[in-house]
Amino acid sequence: MTTVPEIPKLPDDEKVVTDFIGTIDPNDLSSLVFPLSKFQQFDEKMPTVVLGYTTGQIGVVVWNLEPGQQNDYHVHPTTEHLHIFIEGECEYTLGDLPPVITRVGDAVMVPAGIPHGIRNIGDKRASYVAIASPGPYEKHRVERPAERNQA
């Protein structure tokens, strides 16, 4: 049986789905091949993150954004992330760089301490897989570069 880790407090404007924790189990080889689509769950009111694998050396979640929703600009002080886009089109802001458009098949590597934010700018749903390095999960919201420059 897989032990469920303590889930850190996340912002109240993000929906967190924990139903699948433990379904990817390194002790059960048959669970290690799985459809990503089962982690694509959406909420009309808020961005949704579905926790997939949280008990090993990496963390795997799927973020799901309805049109107009975003995973707001934030930073993880101690963990790296790899984001792989599996549906839709998003505006991705990484550090102080101008935003770029990400589409299915695109990936973004986010070093620890680099702010980033993802907005669904399309008229269809968007999803991306987030793979995190080992370490404590911390998420701190920060101002987007354009917002800092306008203040």
C-alpha atoms as a PDB file:
ATOM      1  CA  MET A   1       0.000   0.000   0.000  1.00  0.00           C
ATOM      2  CA  THR A   2       1.293   3.437  -0.937  1.00  0.00           C
ATOM      3  CA  THR A   3       1.457   6.085   1.772  1.00  0.00           C
ATOM      4  CA  VAL A   4      -0.356   9.301   0.907  1.00  0.00           C
ATOM      5  CA  PRO A   5       1.936  12.301   1.483  1.00  0.00           C
ATOM      6  CA  GLU A   6       0.853  15.423   3.292  1.00  0.00           C
ATOM      7  CA  ILE A   7      -0.615  17.812   0.725  1.00  0.00           C
ATOM      8  CA  PRO A   8       0.542  21.399   1.252  1.00  0.00           C
ATOM      9  CA  LYS A   9      -2.018  24.181   1.433  1.00  0.00           C
ATOM     10  CA  LEU A  10      -2.700  25.569  -2.027  1.00  0.00           C
ATOM     11  CA  PRO A  11      -4.541  28.760  -2.975  1.00  0.00           C
ATOM     12  CA  ASP A  12      -8.318  28.682  -2.510  1.00  0.00           C
ATOM     13  CA  ASP A  13      -8.833  29.553  -6.172  1.00  0.00           C
ATOM     14  CA  GLU A  14      -7.322  26.269  -7.386  1.00  0.00           C
ATOM     15  CA  LYS A  15      -9.127  22.948  -7.289  1.00  0.00           C
ATOM     16  CA  VAL A  16      -6.958  20.016  -6.180  1.00  0.00           C
ATOM     17  CA  VAL A  17      -8.050  16.469  -7.075  1.00  0.00           C
ATOM     18  CA  THR A  18      -6.418  13.789  -4.894  1.00  0.00           C
ATOM     19  CA  ASP A  19      -8.543  10.815  -6.036  1.00  0.00           C
ATOM     20  CA  PHE A  20      -5.712   9.190  -8.001  1.00  0.00           C
ATOM     21  CA  ILE A  21      -2.932   9.325  -5.416  1.00  0.00           C
ATOM     22  CA  GLY A  22      -1.569   5.796  -5.086  1.00  0.00           C
ATOM     23  CA  THR A  23      -2.932   4.546  -8.411  1.00  0.00           C
ATOM     24  CA  ILE A  24       0.559   4.826  -9.919  1.00  0.00           C
ATOM     25  CA  ASP A  25       2.473   2.462  -7.642  1.00  0.00           C
ATOM     26  CA  PRO A  26       6.136   1.525  -8.262  1.00  0.00           C
ATOM     27  CA  ASN A  27       5.462  -1.784  -6.487  1.00  0.00           C
ATOM     28  CA  ASP A  28       2.753  -2.678  -9.035  1.00  0.00           C
ATOM     29  CA  LEU A  29       4.265  -2.720 -12.520  1.00  0.00           C
ATOM     30  CA  SER A  30       0.836  -2.988 -14.145  1.00  0.00           C
ATOM     31  CA  SER A  31      -0.010   0.500 -12.777  1.00  0.00           C
ATOM     32  CA  LEU A  32       2.993   2.171 -14.425  1.00  0.00           C
ATOM     33  CA  VAL A  33       1.403   2.436 -17.867  1.00  0.00           C
ATOM     34  CA  PHE A  34      -1.659   4.666 -17.698  1.00  0.00           C
ATOM     35  CA  PRO A  35      -3.730   7.024 -19.822  1.00  0.00           C
ATOM     36  CA  LEU A  36      -3.060  10.703 -19.126  1.00  0.00           C
ATOM     37  CA  SER A  37      -6.680  11.386 -20.055  1.00  0.00           C
ATOM     38  CA  LYS A  38      -7.866  10.083 -16.679  1.00  0.00           C
ATOM     39  CA  PHE A  39      -6.046  13.042 -15.091  1.00  0.00           C
ATOM     40  CA  GLN A  40      -7.725  15.561 -17.388  1.00  0.00           C
ATOM     41  CA  GLN A  41     -10.504  16.837 -15.159  1.00  0.00           C
ATOM     42  CA  PHE A  42     -11.878  20.340 -15.525  1.00  0.00           C
ATOM     43  CA  ASP A  43     -13.880  22.755 -13.393  1.00  0.00           C
ATOM     44  CA  GLU A  44     -15.739  25.683 -14.969  1.00  0.00           C
ATOM     45  CA  LYS A  45     -14.974  27.946 -12.001  1.00  0.00           C
ATOM     46  CA  MET A  46     -11.291  27.347 -11.273  1.00  0.00           C
ATOM     47  CA  PRO A  47      -8.100  25.795 -12.616  1.00  0.00           C
ATOM     48  CA  THR A  48      -7.785  22.147 -11.613  1.00  0.00           C
ATOM     49  CA  VAL A  49      -4.666  20.197 -10.707  1.00  0.00           C
ATOM     50  CA  VAL A  50      -4.936  16.410 -10.551  1.00  0.00           C
ATOM     51  CA  LEU A  51      -2.269  14.743  -8.433  1.00  0.00           C
ATOM     52  CA  GLY A  52      -1.009  11.609 -10.142  1.00  0.00           C
ATOM     53  CA  TYR A  53       2.236  10.464  -8.556  1.00  0.00           C
ATOM     54  CA  THR A  54       3.419  12.054  -5.336  1.00  0.00           C
ATOM     55  CA  THR A  55       5.170   9.312  -3.394  1.00  0.00           C
ATOM     56  CA  GLY A  56       8.426   8.703  -5.289  1.00  0.00           C
ATOM     57  CA  GLN A  57      11.465  10.717  -6.236  1.00  0.00           C
ATOM     58  CA  ILE A  58       9.467  12.862  -8.665  1.00  0.00           C
ATOM     59  CA  GLY A  59       6.022  14.397  -8.572  1.00  0.00           C
ATOM     60  CA  VAL A  60       3.618  14.122 -11.507  1.00  0.00           C
ATOM     61  CA  VAL A  61       0.443  16.196 -11.768  1.00  0.00           C
ATOM     62  CA  VAL A  62      -1.785  17.349 -14.608  1.00  0.00           C
ATOM     63  CA  TRP A  63      -2.998  20.943 -14.717  1.00  0.00           C
ATOM     64  CA  ASN A  64      -6.306  21.527 -16.513  1.00  0.00           C
ATOM     65  CA  LEU A  65      -7.442  24.976 -17.608  1.00  0.00           C
ATOM     66  CA  GLU A  66     -10.740  25.990 -19.144  1.00  0.00           C
ATOM     67  CA  PRO A  67     -10.551  28.909 -21.610  1.00  0.00           C
ATOM     68  CA  GLY A  68      -9.487  32.041 -19.696  1.00  0.00           C
ATOM     69  CA  GLN A  69      -8.213  30.166 -16.634  1.00  0.00           C
ATOM     70  CA  GLN A  70      -4.621  30.309 -15.457  1.00  0.00           C
ATOM     71  CA  ASN A  71      -2.075  28.822 -13.127  1.00  0.00           C
ATOM     72  CA  ASP A  72      -1.120  32.258 -11.865  1.00  0.00           C
ATOM     73  CA  TYR A  73       2.433  33.615 -11.946  1.00  0.00           C
ATOM     74  CA  HIS A  74       4.359  31.918  -9.128  1.00  0.00           C
ATOM     75  CA  VAL A  75       7.698  30.488  -8.051  1.00  0.00           C
ATOM     76  CA  HIS A  76       8.885  27.225  -6.493  1.00  0.00           C
ATOM     77  CA  PRO A  77      11.981  28.072  -4.413  1.00  0.00           C
ATOM     78  CA  THR A  78      13.574  24.597  -4.252  1.00  0.00           C
ATOM     79  CA  THR A  79      12.104  22.339  -6.950  1.00  0.00           C
ATOM     80  CA  GLU A  80      12.532  22.180 -10.717  1.00  0.00           C
ATOM     81  CA  HIS A  81       9.613  21.495 -13.045  1.00  0.00           C
ATOM     82  CA  LEU A  82       9.136  20.212 -16.562  1.00  0.00           C
ATOM     83  CA  HIS A  83       5.813  21.162 -18.173  1.00  0.00           C
ATOM     84  CA  ILE A  84       4.635  19.146 -21.190  1.00  0.00           C
ATOM     85  CA  PHE A  85       1.549  20.411 -23.019  1.00  0.00           C
ATOM     86  CA  ILE A  86      -0.943  17.700 -23.984  1.00  0.00           C
ATOM     87  CA  GLU A  87      -4.027  19.717 -25.001  1.00  0.00           C
ATOM     88  CA  GLY A  88      -4.893  23.255 -26.029  1.00  0.00           C
ATOM     89  CA  GLU A  89      -2.923  26.460 -26.366  1.00  0.00           C
ATOM     90  CA  CYS A  90      -1.496  28.579 -23.571  1.00  0.00           C
ATOM     91  CA  GLU A  91       0.441  31.760 -22.987  1.00  0.00           C
ATOM     92  CA  TYR A  92       3.511  30.859 -20.929  1.00  0.00           C
ATOM     93  CA  THR A  93       5.498  33.469 -19.018  1.00  0.00           C
ATOM     94  CA  LEU A  94       8.925  32.327 -17.799  1.00  0.00           C
ATOM     95  CA  GLY A  95      10.928  34.718 -15.636  1.00  0.00           C
ATOM     96  CA  ASP A  96      11.236  38.181 -17.174  1.00  0.00           C
ATOM     97  CA  LEU A  97      10.965  36.896 -20.762  1.00  0.00           C
ATOM     98  CA  PRO A  98       8.058  37.991 -22.941  1.00  0.00           C
ATOM     99  CA  PRO A  99       5.216  35.434 -22.942  1.00  0.00           C
ATOM    100  CA  VAL A 100       5.357  32.645 -25.540  1.00  0.00           C
ATOM    101  CA  ILE A 101       2.560  30.520 -26.966  1.00  0.00           C
ATOM    102  CA  THR A 102       2.733  26.815 -26.074  1.00  0.00           C
ATOM    103  CA  ARG A 103       0.868  24.111 -27.963  1.00  0.00           C
ATOM    104  CA  VAL A 104       0.463  20.335 -27.805  1.00  0.00           C
ATOM    105  CA  GLY A 105       3.893  18.711 -27.790  1.00  0.00           C
ATOM    106  CA  ASP A 106       5.724  21.766 -26.436  1.00  0.00           C
ATOM    107  CA  ALA A 107       7.678  21.562 -23.196  1.00  0.00           C
ATOM    108  CA  VAL A 108       9.072  24.152 -20.794  1.00  0.00           C
ATOM    109  CA  MET A 109      11.855  23.486 -18.276  1.00  0.00           C
ATOM    110  CA  VAL A 110      11.544  25.620 -15.131  1.00  0.00           C
ATOM    111  CA  PRO A 111      14.582  25.799 -12.832  1.00  0.00           C
ATOM    112  CA  ALA A 112      14.025  26.258  -9.101  1.00  0.00           C
ATOM    113  CA  GLY A 113      13.509  29.890  -8.169  1.00  0.00           C
ATOM    114  CA  ILE A 114      12.331  31.037 -11.626  1.00  0.00           C
ATOM    115  CA  PRO A 115       8.831  32.566 -11.641  1.00  0.00           C
ATOM    116  CA  HIS A 116       6.388  31.278 -14.249  1.00  0.00           C
ATOM    117  CA  GLY A 117       2.696  31.399 -15.119  1.00  0.00           C
ATOM    118  CA  ILE A 118       0.413  29.682 -17.614  1.00  0.00           C
ATOM    119  CA  ARG A 119      -2.808  31.124 -19.096  1.00  0.00           C
ATOM    120  CA  ASN A 120      -5.251  29.328 -21.386  1.00  0.00           C
ATOM    121  CA  ILE A 121      -5.679  31.925 -24.123  1.00  0.00           C
ATOM    122  CA  GLY A 122      -7.531  29.642 -26.512  1.00  0.00           C
ATOM    123  CA  ASP A 123     -11.217  28.893 -26.887  1.00  0.00           C
ATOM    124  CA  LYS A 124     -10.711  25.216 -25.997  1.00  0.00           C
ATOM    125  CA  ARG A 125      -9.561  23.418 -22.877  1.00  0.00           C
ATOM    126  CA  ALA A 126      -5.844  23.125 -22.143  1.00  0.00           C
ATOM    127  CA  SER A 127      -3.854  20.597 -20.106  1.00  0.00           C
ATOM    128  CA  TYR A 128      -0.213  20.095 -19.277  1.00  0.00           C
ATOM    129  CA  VAL A 129       1.750  17.545 -17.301  1.00  0.00           C
ATOM    130  CA  ALA A 130       3.982  18.989 -14.587  1.00  0.00           C
ATOM    131  CA  ILE A 131       6.879  16.814 -13.454  1.00  0.00           C
ATOM    132  CA  ALA A 132       8.673  18.076 -10.343  1.00  0.00           C
ATOM    133  CA  SER A 133      12.066  17.216  -8.902  1.00  0.00           C
ATOM    134  CA  PRO A 134      12.407  15.874  -5.359  1.00  0.00           C
ATOM    135  CA  GLY A 135      12.008  18.333  -2.537  1.00  0.00           C
ATOM    136  CA  PRO A 136       9.356  20.068  -0.507  1.00  0.00           C
ATOM    137  CA  TYR A 137       6.536  21.511  -2.591  1.00  0.00           C
ATOM    138  CA  GLU A 138       6.254  25.253  -2.099  1.00  0.00           C
ATOM    139  CA  LYS A 139       4.323  27.629  -4.334  1.00  0.00           C
ATOM    140  CA  HIS A 140       4.549  31.376  -3.832  1.00  0.00           C
ATOM    141  CA  ARG A 141       2.636  33.800  -6.025  1.00  0.00           C
ATOM    142  CA  VAL A 142       4.535  36.783  -7.360  1.00  0.00           C
ATOM    143  CA  GLU A 143       3.688  39.674  -9.687  1.00  0.00           C
ATOM    144  CA  ARG A 144       4.052  39.156 -13.421  1.00  0.00           C
ATOM    145  CA  PRO A 145       6.876  41.189 -15.008  1.00  0.00           C
ATOM    146  CA  ALA A 146       4.447  43.421 -16.959  1.00  0.00           C
ATOM    147  CA  GLU A 147       2.507  44.167 -13.769  1.00  0.00           C
ATOM    148  CA  ARG A 148       5.717  45.108 -11.949  1.00  0.00           C
ATOM    149  CA  ASN A 149       6.759  47.415 -14.787  1.00  0.00           C
ATOM    150  CA  GLN A 150       3.390  49.207 -14.813  1.00  0.00           C
ATOM    151  CA  ALA A 151       3.364  49.897 -11.056  1.00  0.00           C
END
